[in-house]
Amino acid sequence: MLTVVAINYVNPGKREEFIAMAKSLVDETRKEEGNISYCLCDYDKSAGTLAIVECWRDEAALKNHVGSAHFTSVIPKLQELCAREGEVKVMEVLY
C-alpha cells in the first residue's frame, strides 16, 4: 500500500476557490479502482496550506490515477491558485 501527501501552498484569498475545485477531484478519485482513501486536509490553516492525503492499493493504481482525466484537468488549475510549487511525498506503508 502507498500513502501520498501532496502539500499545496495556496495564495491568500484563493483558499475557498481551491477547496471548491478540489472537491470534484476528491469525489472522482474516491471512485477509482485501487483507491483506499483520498482526503483534502488543513495542513497549516494560518499559512493557507492545504494537503491532499491519499492511500492506494499499489503503484499501478496510483499511476492510473495520475493519468486520469479528472487529475490531469484539475491539478494544473489548482496549481495556478498556489503561491509556489507544492511538495509531493510518496511513502510505502510498512505496517
PDB file of N, CA and C in Angstrom:
ATOM      1  N   MET A   1       0.861  -1.178   0.000  1.00  0.00           N
ATOM      2  CA  MET A   1       0.000   0.000   0.000  1.00  0.00           C
ATOM      3  C   MET A   1       0.905   1.238   0.000  1.00  0.00           C
ATOM      4  N   LEU A   2       0.455   2.268  -0.708  1.00  0.00           N
ATOM      5  CA  LEU A   2       1.178   3.533  -0.776  1.00  0.00           C
ATOM      6  C   LEU A   2       0.345   4.652  -0.170  1.00  0.00           C
ATOM      7  N   THR A   3       1.030   5.556   0.508  1.00  0.00           N
ATOM      8  CA  THR A   3       0.404   6.779   1.004  1.00  0.00           C
ATOM      9  C   THR A   3       1.096   7.952   0.330  1.00  0.00           C
ATOM     10  N   VAL A   4       0.298   8.906  -0.125  1.00  0.00           N
ATOM     11  CA  VAL A   4       0.814  10.108  -0.774  1.00  0.00           C
ATOM     12  C   VAL A   4       0.336  11.315   0.014  1.00  0.00           C
ATOM     13  N   VAL A   5       1.262  12.247   0.248  1.00  0.00           N
ATOM     14  CA  VAL A   5       0.910  13.526   0.861  1.00  0.00           C
ATOM     15  C   VAL A   5       1.350  14.617  -0.109  1.00  0.00           C
ATOM     16  N   ALA A   6       0.376  15.368  -0.612  1.00  0.00           N
ATOM     17  CA  ALA A   6       0.647  16.469  -1.545  1.00  0.00           C
ATOM     18  C   ALA A   6       0.313  17.779  -0.848  1.00  0.00           C
ATOM     19  N   ILE A   7       1.341  18.558  -0.545  1.00  0.00           N
ATOM     20  CA  ILE A   7       1.176  19.812   0.189  1.00  0.00           C
ATOM     21  C   ILE A   7       1.056  20.957  -0.816  1.00  0.00           C
ATOM     22  N   ASN A   8       0.055  21.810  -0.607  1.00  0.00           N
ATOM     23  CA  ASN A   8      -0.246  22.921  -1.511  1.00  0.00           C
ATOM     24  C   ASN A   8      -0.211  24.240  -0.753  1.00  0.00           C
ATOM     25  N   TYR A   9       0.601  25.164  -1.242  1.00  0.00           N
ATOM     26  CA  TYR A   9       0.762  26.480  -0.613  1.00  0.00           C
ATOM     27  C   TYR A   9      -0.153  27.475  -1.336  1.00  0.00           C
ATOM     28  N   VAL A  10      -1.377  27.549  -0.886  1.00  0.00           N
ATOM     29  CA  VAL A  10      -2.429  28.307  -1.568  1.00  0.00           C
ATOM     30  C   VAL A  10      -2.241  29.805  -1.357  1.00  0.00           C
ATOM     31  N   ASN A  11      -2.420  30.564  -2.446  1.00  0.00           N
ATOM     32  CA  ASN A  11      -2.351  32.030  -2.383  1.00  0.00           C
ATOM     33  C   ASN A  11      -3.398  32.570  -1.415  1.00  0.00           C
ATOM     34  N   PRO A  12      -3.054  33.614  -0.667  1.00  0.00           N
ATOM     35  CA  PRO A  12      -4.053  34.255   0.193  1.00  0.00           C
ATOM     36  C   PRO A  12      -5.265  34.669  -0.647  1.00  0.00           C
ATOM     37  N   GLY A  13      -6.425  34.428  -0.121  1.00  0.00           N
ATOM     38  CA  GLY A  13      -7.651  34.793  -0.818  1.00  0.00           C
ATOM     39  C   GLY A  13      -8.122  33.764  -1.832  1.00  0.00           C
ATOM     40  N   LYS A  14      -7.379  32.697  -2.034  1.00  0.00           N
ATOM     41  CA  LYS A  14      -7.750  31.660  -3.009  1.00  0.00           C
ATOM     42  C   LYS A  14      -8.145  30.343  -2.348  1.00  0.00           C
ATOM     43  N   ARG A  15      -8.149  30.317  -1.023  1.00  0.00           N
ATOM     44  CA  ARG A  15      -8.432  29.090  -0.276  1.00  0.00           C
ATOM     45  C   ARG A  15      -9.785  28.474  -0.648  1.00  0.00           C
ATOM     46  N   GLU A  16     -10.840  29.262  -0.608  1.00  0.00           N
ATOM     47  CA  GLU A  16     -12.179  28.723  -0.879  1.00  0.00           C
ATOM     48  C   GLU A  16     -12.303  28.249  -2.329  1.00  0.00           C
ATOM     49  N   GLU A  17     -11.690  28.964  -3.249  1.00  0.00           N
ATOM     50  CA  GLU A  17     -11.695  28.548  -4.652  1.00  0.00           C
ATOM     51  C   GLU A  17     -10.944  27.223  -4.817  1.00  0.00           C
ATOM     52  N   PHE A  18      -9.812  27.096  -4.137  1.00  0.00           N
ATOM     53  CA  PHE A  18      -9.034  25.861  -4.180  1.00  0.00           C
ATOM     54  C   PHE A  18      -9.871  24.699  -3.643  1.00  0.00           C
ATOM     55  N   ILE A  19     -10.501  24.893  -2.494  1.00  0.00           N
ATOM     56  CA  ILE A  19     -11.308  23.841  -1.870  1.00  0.00           C
ATOM     57  C   ILE A  19     -12.451  23.423  -2.784  1.00  0.00           C
ATOM     58  N   ALA A  20     -13.149  24.387  -3.356  1.00  0.00           N
ATOM     59  CA  ALA A  20     -14.271  24.075  -4.244  1.00  0.00           C
ATOM     60  C   ALA A  20     -13.805  23.263  -5.450  1.00  0.00           C
ATOM     61  N   MET A  21     -12.684  23.635  -6.027  1.00  0.00           N
ATOM     62  CA  MET A  21     -12.163  22.928  -7.186  1.00  0.00           C
ATOM     63  C   MET A  21     -11.655  21.535  -6.798  1.00  0.00           C
ATOM     64  N   ALA A  22     -11.047  21.433  -5.642  1.00  0.00           N
ATOM     65  CA  ALA A  22     -10.501  20.151  -5.191  1.00  0.00           C
ATOM     66  C   ALA A  22     -11.594  19.144  -4.862  1.00  0.00           C
ATOM     67  N   LYS A  23     -12.774  19.616  -4.490  1.00  0.00           N
ATOM     68  CA  LYS A  23     -13.865  18.699  -4.146  1.00  0.00           C
ATOM     69  C   LYS A  23     -14.198  17.766  -5.299  1.00  0.00           C
ATOM     70  N   SER A  24     -14.215  18.269  -6.519  1.00  0.00           N
ATOM     71  CA  SER A  24     -14.517  17.401  -7.664  1.00  0.00           C
ATOM     72  C   SER A  24     -13.426  16.358  -7.849  1.00  0.00           C
ATOM     73  N   LEU A  25     -12.170  16.749  -7.637  1.00  0.00           N
ATOM     74  CA  LEU A  25     -11.056  15.810  -7.731  1.00  0.00           C
ATOM     75  C   LEU A  25     -11.200  14.713  -6.672  1.00  0.00           C
ATOM     76  N   VAL A  26     -11.505  15.103  -5.454  1.00  0.00           N
ATOM     77  CA  VAL A  26     -11.674  14.139  -4.369  1.00  0.00           C
ATOM     78  C   VAL A  26     -12.818  13.179  -4.688  1.00  0.00           C
ATOM     79  N   ASP A  27     -13.962  13.714  -5.099  1.00  0.00           N
ATOM     80  CA  ASP A  27     -15.131  12.869  -5.371  1.00  0.00           C
ATOM     81  C   ASP A  27     -14.860  11.860  -6.482  1.00  0.00           C
ATOM     82  N   GLU A  28     -14.236  12.297  -7.565  1.00  0.00           N
ATOM     83  CA  GLU A  28     -13.949  11.395  -8.681  1.00  0.00           C
ATOM     84  C   GLU A  28     -12.872  10.372  -8.327  1.00  0.00           C
ATOM     85  N   THR A  29     -11.872  10.804  -7.588  1.00  0.00           N
ATOM     86  CA  THR A  29     -10.777   9.902  -7.224  1.00  0.00           C
ATOM     87  C   THR A  29     -11.254   8.791  -6.306  1.00  0.00           C
ATOM     88  N   ARG A  30     -12.159   9.089  -5.416  1.00  0.00           N
ATOM     89  CA  ARG A  30     -12.669   8.068  -4.492  1.00  0.00           C
ATOM     90  C   ARG A  30     -13.377   6.926  -5.219  1.00  0.00           C
ATOM     91  N   LYS A  31     -13.782   7.135  -6.459  1.00  0.00           N
ATOM     92  CA  LYS A  31     -14.441   6.106  -7.264  1.00  0.00           C
ATOM     93  C   LYS A  31     -13.439   5.201  -7.988  1.00  0.00           C
ATOM     94  N   GLU A  32     -12.178   5.569  -7.981  1.00  0.00           N
ATOM     95  CA  GLU A  32     -11.180   4.840  -8.751  1.00  0.00           C
ATOM     96  C   GLU A  32     -10.846   3.477  -8.157  1.00  0.00           C
ATOM     97  N   GLU A  33     -10.607   2.525  -9.061  1.00  0.00           N
ATOM     98  CA  GLU A  33     -10.142   1.201  -8.673  1.00  0.00           C
ATOM     99  C   GLU A  33      -8.776   1.341  -7.986  1.00  0.00           C
ATOM    100  N   GLY A  34      -8.629   0.750  -6.831  1.00  0.00           N
ATOM    101  CA  GLY A  34      -7.362   0.782  -6.120  1.00  0.00           C
ATOM    102  C   GLY A  34      -7.201   1.933  -5.149  1.00  0.00           C
ATOM    103  N   ASN A  35      -8.167   2.862  -5.121  1.00  0.00           N
ATOM    104  CA  ASN A  35      -8.098   3.952  -4.148  1.00  0.00           C
ATOM    105  C   ASN A  35      -8.648   3.462  -2.818  1.00  0.00           C
ATOM    106  N   ILE A  36      -7.887   3.686  -1.761  1.00  0.00           N
ATOM    107  CA  ILE A  36      -8.315   3.300  -0.419  1.00  0.00           C
ATOM    108  C   ILE A  36      -8.892   4.507   0.309  1.00  0.00           C
ATOM    109  N   SER A  37      -8.239   5.655   0.173  1.00  0.00           N
ATOM    110  CA  SER A  37      -8.769   6.899   0.746  1.00  0.00           C
ATOM    111  C   SER A  37      -8.147   8.089   0.017  1.00  0.00           C
ATOM    112  N   TYR A  38      -8.868   9.207   0.045  1.00  0.00           N
ATOM    113  CA  TYR A  38      -8.418  10.430  -0.635  1.00  0.00           C
ATOM    114  C   TYR A  38      -9.097  11.592   0.065  1.00  0.00           C
ATOM    115  N   CYS A  39      -8.324  12.434   0.748  1.00  0.00           N
ATOM    116  CA  CYS A  39      -8.892  13.499   1.572  1.00  0.00           C
ATOM    117  C   CYS A  39      -8.163  14.820   1.373  1.00  0.00           C
ATOM    118  N   LEU A  40      -8.899  15.901   1.416  1.00  0.00           N
ATOM    119  CA  LEU A  40      -8.336  17.248   1.445  1.00  0.00           C
ATOM    120  C   LEU A  40      -8.290  17.687   2.902  1.00  0.00           C
ATOM    121  N   CYS A  41      -7.125  18.114   3.367  1.00  0.00           N
ATOM    122  CA  CYS A  41      -6.925  18.426   4.782  1.00  0.00           C
ATOM    123  C   CYS A  41      -6.306  19.812   4.962  1.00  0.00           C
ATOM    124  N   ASP A  42      -6.616  20.426   6.103  1.00  0.00           N
ATOM    125  CA  ASP A  42      -5.886  21.624   6.521  1.00  0.00           C
ATOM    126  C   ASP A  42      -4.528  21.166   7.021  1.00  0.00           C
ATOM    127  N   TYR A  43      -3.489  21.660   6.414  1.00  0.00           N
ATOM    128  CA  TYR A  43      -2.129  21.310   6.852  1.00  0.00           C
ATOM    129  C   TYR A  43      -1.619  22.375   7.817  1.00  0.00           C
ATOM    130  N   ASP A  44      -1.828  23.625   7.455  1.00  0.00           N
ATOM    131  CA  ASP A  44      -1.465  24.755   8.312  1.00  0.00           C
ATOM    132  C   ASP A  44      -2.412  25.890   7.955  1.00  0.00           C
ATOM    133  N   LYS A  45      -3.516  25.954   8.665  1.00  0.00           N
ATOM    134  CA  LYS A  45      -4.570  26.923   8.353  1.00  0.00           C
ATOM    135  C   LYS A  45      -4.062  28.360   8.376  1.00  0.00           C
ATOM    136  N   SER A  46      -3.201  28.689   9.316  1.00  0.00           N
ATOM    137  CA  SER A  46      -2.721  30.063   9.424  1.00  0.00           C
ATOM    138  C   SER A  46      -1.858  30.460   8.225  1.00  0.00           C
ATOM    139  N   ALA A  47      -1.219  29.481   7.591  1.00  0.00           N
ATOM    140  CA  ALA A  47      -0.367  29.771   6.430  1.00  0.00           C
ATOM    141  C   ALA A  47      -1.104  29.518   5.110  1.00  0.00           C
ATOM    142  N   GLY A  48      -2.351  29.057   5.185  1.00  0.00           N
ATOM    143  CA  GLY A  48      -3.103  28.772   3.969  1.00  0.00           C
ATOM    144  C   GLY A  48      -2.631  27.525   3.248  1.00  0.00           C
ATOM    145  N   THR A  49      -2.062  26.604   3.988  1.00  0.00           N
ATOM    146  CA  THR A  49      -1.519  25.396   3.384  1.00  0.00           C
ATOM    147  C   THR A  49      -2.517  24.247   3.510  1.00  0.00           C
ATOM    148  N   LEU A  50      -2.827  23.636   2.379  1.00  0.00           N
ATOM    149  CA  LEU A  50      -3.734  22.502   2.338  1.00  0.00           C
ATOM    150  C   LEU A  50      -2.977  21.279   1.837  1.00  0.00           C
ATOM    151  N   ALA A  51      -3.406  20.112   2.267  1.00  0.00           N
ATOM    152  CA  ALA A  51      -2.756  18.876   1.826  1.00  0.00           C
ATOM    153  C   ALA A  51      -3.803  17.906   1.312  1.00  0.00           C
ATOM    154  N   ILE A  52      -3.431  17.163   0.295  1.00  0.00           N
ATOM    155  CA  ILE A  52      -4.229  16.039  -0.155  1.00  0.00           C
ATOM    156  C   ILE A  52      -3.491  14.799   0.348  1.00  0.00           C
ATOM    157  N   VAL A  53      -4.200  13.999   1.141  1.00  0.00           N
ATOM    158  CA  VAL A  53      -3.633  12.789   1.715  1.00  0.00           C
ATOM    159  C   VAL A  53      -4.390  11.614   1.116  1.00  0.00           C
ATOM    160  N   GLU A  54      -3.642  10.702   0.525  1.00  0.00           N
ATOM    161  CA  GLU A  54      -4.273   9.615  -0.228  1.00  0.00           C
ATOM    162  C   GLU A  54      -3.581   8.283   0.026  1.00  0.00           C
ATOM    163  N   CYS A  55      -4.358   7.217  -0.051  1.00  0.00           N
ATOM    164  CA  CYS A  55      -3.821   5.859   0.079  1.00  0.00           C
ATOM    165  C   CYS A  55      -4.254   5.045  -1.137  1.00  0.00           C
ATOM    166  N   TRP A  56      -3.304   4.281  -1.655  1.00  0.00           N
ATOM    167  CA  TRP A  56      -3.505   3.476  -2.861  1.00  0.00           C
ATOM    168  C   TRP A  56      -3.113   2.033  -2.617  1.00  0.00           C
ATOM    169  N   ARG A  57      -3.827   1.134  -3.256  1.00  0.00           N
ATOM    170  CA  ARG A  57      -3.556  -0.299  -3.125  1.00  0.00           C
ATOM    171  C   ARG A  57      -2.136  -0.631  -3.560  1.00  0.00           C
ATOM    172  N   ASP A  58      -1.717  -0.035  -4.691  1.00  0.00           N
ATOM    173  CA  ASP A  58      -0.390  -0.338  -5.226  1.00  0.00           C
ATOM    174  C   ASP A  58       0.042   0.755  -6.204  1.00  0.00           C
ATOM    175  N   GLU A  59       1.253   0.603  -6.724  1.00  0.00           N
ATOM    176  CA  GLU A  59       1.816   1.601  -7.633  1.00  0.00           C
ATOM    177  C   GLU A  59       1.015   1.714  -8.935  1.00  0.00           C
ATOM    178  N   ALA A  60       0.481   0.610  -9.412  1.00  0.00           N
ATOM    179  CA  ALA A  60      -0.314   0.638 -10.648  1.00  0.00           C
ATOM    180  C   ALA A  60      -1.562   1.501 -10.483  1.00  0.00           C
ATOM    181  N   ALA A  61      -2.226   1.384  -9.348  1.00  0.00           N
ATOM    182  CA  ALA A  61      -3.426   2.199  -9.096  1.00  0.00           C
ATOM    183  C   ALA A  61      -3.070   3.680  -9.033  1.00  0.00           C
ATOM    184  N   LEU A  62      -1.959   4.004  -8.386  1.00  0.00           N
ATOM    185  CA  LEU A  62      -1.516   5.400  -8.311  1.00  0.00           C
ATOM    186  C   LEU A  62      -1.163   5.920  -9.700  1.00  0.00           C
ATOM    187  N   LYS A  63      -0.494   5.114 -10.480  1.00  0.00           N
ATOM    188  CA  LYS A  63      -0.117   5.514 -11.839  1.00  0.00           C
ATOM    189  C   LYS A  63      -1.364   5.783 -12.691  1.00  0.00           C
ATOM    190  N   ASN A  64      -2.372   4.943 -12.565  1.00  0.00           N
ATOM    191  CA  ASN A  64      -3.630   5.165 -13.295  1.00  0.00           C
ATOM    192  C   ASN A  64      -4.294   6.465 -12.866  1.00  0.00           C
ATOM    193  N   HIS A  65      -4.237   6.753 -11.574  1.00  0.00           N
ATOM    194  CA  HIS A  65      -4.824   7.990 -11.053  1.00  0.00           C
ATOM    195  C   HIS A  65      -4.149   9.219 -11.665  1.00  0.00           C
ATOM    196  N   VAL A  66      -2.822   9.211 -11.684  1.00  0.00           N
ATOM    197  CA  VAL A  66      -2.073  10.361 -12.203  1.00  0.00           C
ATOM    198  C   VAL A  66      -2.363  10.586 -13.688  1.00  0.00           C
ATOM    199  N   GLY A  67      -2.763   9.554 -14.394  1.00  0.00           N
ATOM    200  CA  GLY A  67      -3.100   9.683 -15.807  1.00  0.00           C
ATOM    201  C   GLY A  67      -4.577   9.895 -16.083  1.00  0.00           C
ATOM    202  N   SER A  68      -5.389   9.918 -15.043  1.00  0.00           N
ATOM    203  CA  SER A  68      -6.845  10.047 -15.231  1.00  0.00           C
ATOM    204  C   SER A  68      -7.227  11.441 -15.728  1.00  0.00           C
ATOM    205  N   ALA A  69      -8.368  11.511 -16.395  1.00  0.00           N
ATOM    206  CA  ALA A  69      -8.847  12.781 -16.954  1.00  0.00           C
ATOM    207  C   ALA A  69      -9.117  13.807 -15.858  1.00  0.00           C
ATOM    208  N   HIS A  70      -9.717  13.389 -14.757  1.00  0.00           N
ATOM    209  CA  HIS A  70     -10.015  14.363 -13.700  1.00  0.00           C
ATOM    210  C   HIS A  70      -8.732  14.876 -13.040  1.00  0.00           C
ATOM    211  N   PHE A  71      -7.714  14.044 -12.913  1.00  0.00           N
ATOM    212  CA  PHE A  71      -6.447  14.500 -12.340  1.00  0.00           C
ATOM    213  C   PHE A  71      -5.753  15.478 -13.286  1.00  0.00           C
ATOM    214  N   THR A  72      -5.605  15.099 -14.546  1.00  0.00           N
ATOM    215  CA  THR A  72      -4.859  15.935 -15.493  1.00  0.00           C
ATOM    216  C   THR A  72      -5.570  17.242 -15.825  1.00  0.00           C
ATOM    217  N   SER A  73      -6.879  17.299 -15.619  1.00  0.00           N
ATOM    218  CA  SER A  73      -7.588  18.554 -15.888  1.00  0.00           C
ATOM    219  C   SER A  73      -7.635  19.475 -14.669  1.00  0.00           C
ATOM    220  N   VAL A  74      -7.722  18.919 -13.472  1.00  0.00           N
ATOM    221  CA  VAL A  74      -7.886  19.740 -12.270  1.00  0.00           C
ATOM    222  C   VAL A  74      -6.552  20.183 -11.660  1.00  0.00           C
ATOM    223  N   ILE A  75      -5.564  19.323 -11.644  1.00  0.00           N
ATOM    224  CA  ILE A  75      -4.297  19.658 -10.977  1.00  0.00           C
ATOM    225  C   ILE A  75      -3.667  20.945 -11.525  1.00  0.00           C
ATOM    226  N   PRO A  76      -3.580  21.153 -12.839  1.00  0.00           N
ATOM    227  CA  PRO A  76      -2.999  22.423 -13.314  1.00  0.00           C
ATOM    228  C   PRO A  76      -3.775  23.652 -12.832  1.00  0.00           C
ATOM    229  N   LYS A  77      -5.089  23.534 -12.727  1.00  0.00           N
ATOM    230  CA  LYS A  77      -5.908  24.647 -12.244  1.00  0.00           C
ATOM    231  C   LYS A  77      -5.648  24.915 -10.762  1.00  0.00           C
ATOM    232  N   LEU A  78      -5.485  23.840  -9.992  1.00  0.00           N
ATOM    233  CA  LEU A  78      -5.170  24.007  -8.577  1.00  0.00           C
ATOM    234  C   LEU A  78      -3.799  24.656  -8.405  1.00  0.00           C
ATOM    235  N   GLN A  79      -2.852  24.253  -9.221  1.00  0.00           N
ATOM    236  CA  GLN A  79      -1.504  24.826  -9.138  1.00  0.00           C
ATOM    237  C   GLN A  79      -1.496  26.320  -9.418  1.00  0.00           C
ATOM    238  N   GLU A  80      -2.386  26.784 -10.288  1.00  0.00           N
ATOM    239  CA  GLU A  80      -2.481  28.215 -10.589  1.00  0.00           C
ATOM    240  C   GLU A  80      -2.925  29.024  -9.368  1.00  0.00           C
ATOM    241  N   LEU A  81      -3.578  28.382  -8.424  1.00  0.00           N
ATOM    242  CA  LEU A  81      -4.062  29.063  -7.220  1.00  0.00           C
ATOM    243  C   LEU A  81      -3.027  29.082  -6.100  1.00  0.00           C
ATOM    244  N   CYS A  82      -1.874  28.507  -6.364  1.00  0.00           N
ATOM    245  CA  CYS A  82      -0.838  28.387  -5.331  1.00  0.00           C
ATOM    246  C   CYS A  82       0.242  29.448  -5.472  1.00  0.00           C
ATOM    247  N   ALA A  83       0.808  29.820  -4.334  1.00  0.00           N
ATOM    248  CA  ALA A  83       1.865  30.836  -4.288  1.00  0.00           C
ATOM    249  C   ALA A  83       3.200  30.290  -4.770  1.00  0.00           C
ATOM    250  N   ARG A  84       3.395  28.998  -4.601  1.00  0.00           N
ATOM    251  CA  ARG A  84       4.632  28.356  -5.042  1.00  0.00           C
ATOM    252  C   ARG A  84       4.371  26.878  -5.273  1.00  0.00           C
ATOM    253  N   GLU A  85       5.359  26.235  -5.854  1.00  0.00           N
ATOM    254  CA  GLU A  85       5.234  24.812  -6.147  1.00  0.00           C
ATOM    255  C   GLU A  85       5.054  24.022  -4.851  1.00  0.00           C
ATOM    256  N   GLY A  86       4.174  23.058  -4.916  1.00  0.00           N
ATOM    257  CA  GLY A  86       3.917  22.224  -3.748  1.00  0.00           C
ATOM    258  C   GLY A  86       4.936  21.108  -3.604  1.00  0.00           C
ATOM    259  N   GLU A  87       4.699  20.279  -2.625  1.00  0.00           N
ATOM    260  CA  GLU A  87       5.570  19.137  -2.347  1.00  0.00           C
ATOM    261  C   GLU A  87       4.727  17.874  -2.366  1.00  0.00           C
ATOM    262  N   VAL A  88       5.273  16.825  -2.972  1.00  0.00           N
ATOM    263  CA  VAL A  88       4.580  15.541  -3.004  1.00  0.00           C
ATOM    264  C   VAL A  88       5.511  14.480  -2.443  1.00  0.00           C
ATOM    265  N   LYS A  89       5.035  13.760  -1.458  1.00  0.00           N
ATOM    266  CA  LYS A  89       5.794  12.668  -0.841  1.00  0.00           C
ATOM    267  C   LYS A  89       5.011  11.385  -1.037  1.00  0.00           C
ATOM    268  N   VAL A  90       5.666  10.366  -1.578  1.00  0.00           N
ATOM    269  CA  VAL A  90       5.069   9.047  -1.753  1.00  0.00           C
ATOM    270  C   VAL A  90       5.785   8.095  -0.811  1.00  0.00           C
ATOM    271  N   MET A  91       5.003   7.410   0.018  1.00  0.00           N
ATOM    272  CA  MET A  91       5.585   6.524   1.026  1.00  0.00           C
ATOM    273  C   MET A  91       4.947   5.147   0.949  1.00  0.00           C
ATOM    274  N   GLU A  92       5.752   4.125   1.109  1.00  0.00           N
ATOM    275  CA  GLU A  92       5.239   2.761   1.182  1.00  0.00           C
ATOM    276  C   GLU A  92       4.868   2.486   2.637  1.00  0.00           C
ATOM    277  N   VAL A  93       3.670   1.981   2.823  1.00  0.00           N
ATOM    278  CA  VAL A  93       3.214   1.641   4.183  1.00  0.00           C
ATOM    279  C   VAL A  93       3.875   0.329   4.577  1.00  0.00           C
ATOM    280  N   LEU A  94       4.535   0.343   5.720  1.00  0.00           N
ATOM    281  CA  LEU A  94       5.228  -0.839   6.193  1.00  0.00           C
ATOM    282  C   LEU A  94       4.399  -1.667   7.177  1.00  0.00           C
ATOM    283  N   TYR A  95       3.564  -1.001   7.953  1.00  0.00           N
ATOM    284  CA  TYR A  95       2.779  -1.715   8.955  1.00  0.00           C
ATOM    285  C   TYR A  95       1.485  -1.000   9.194  1.00  0.00           C
TER     286      TYR A  95
END
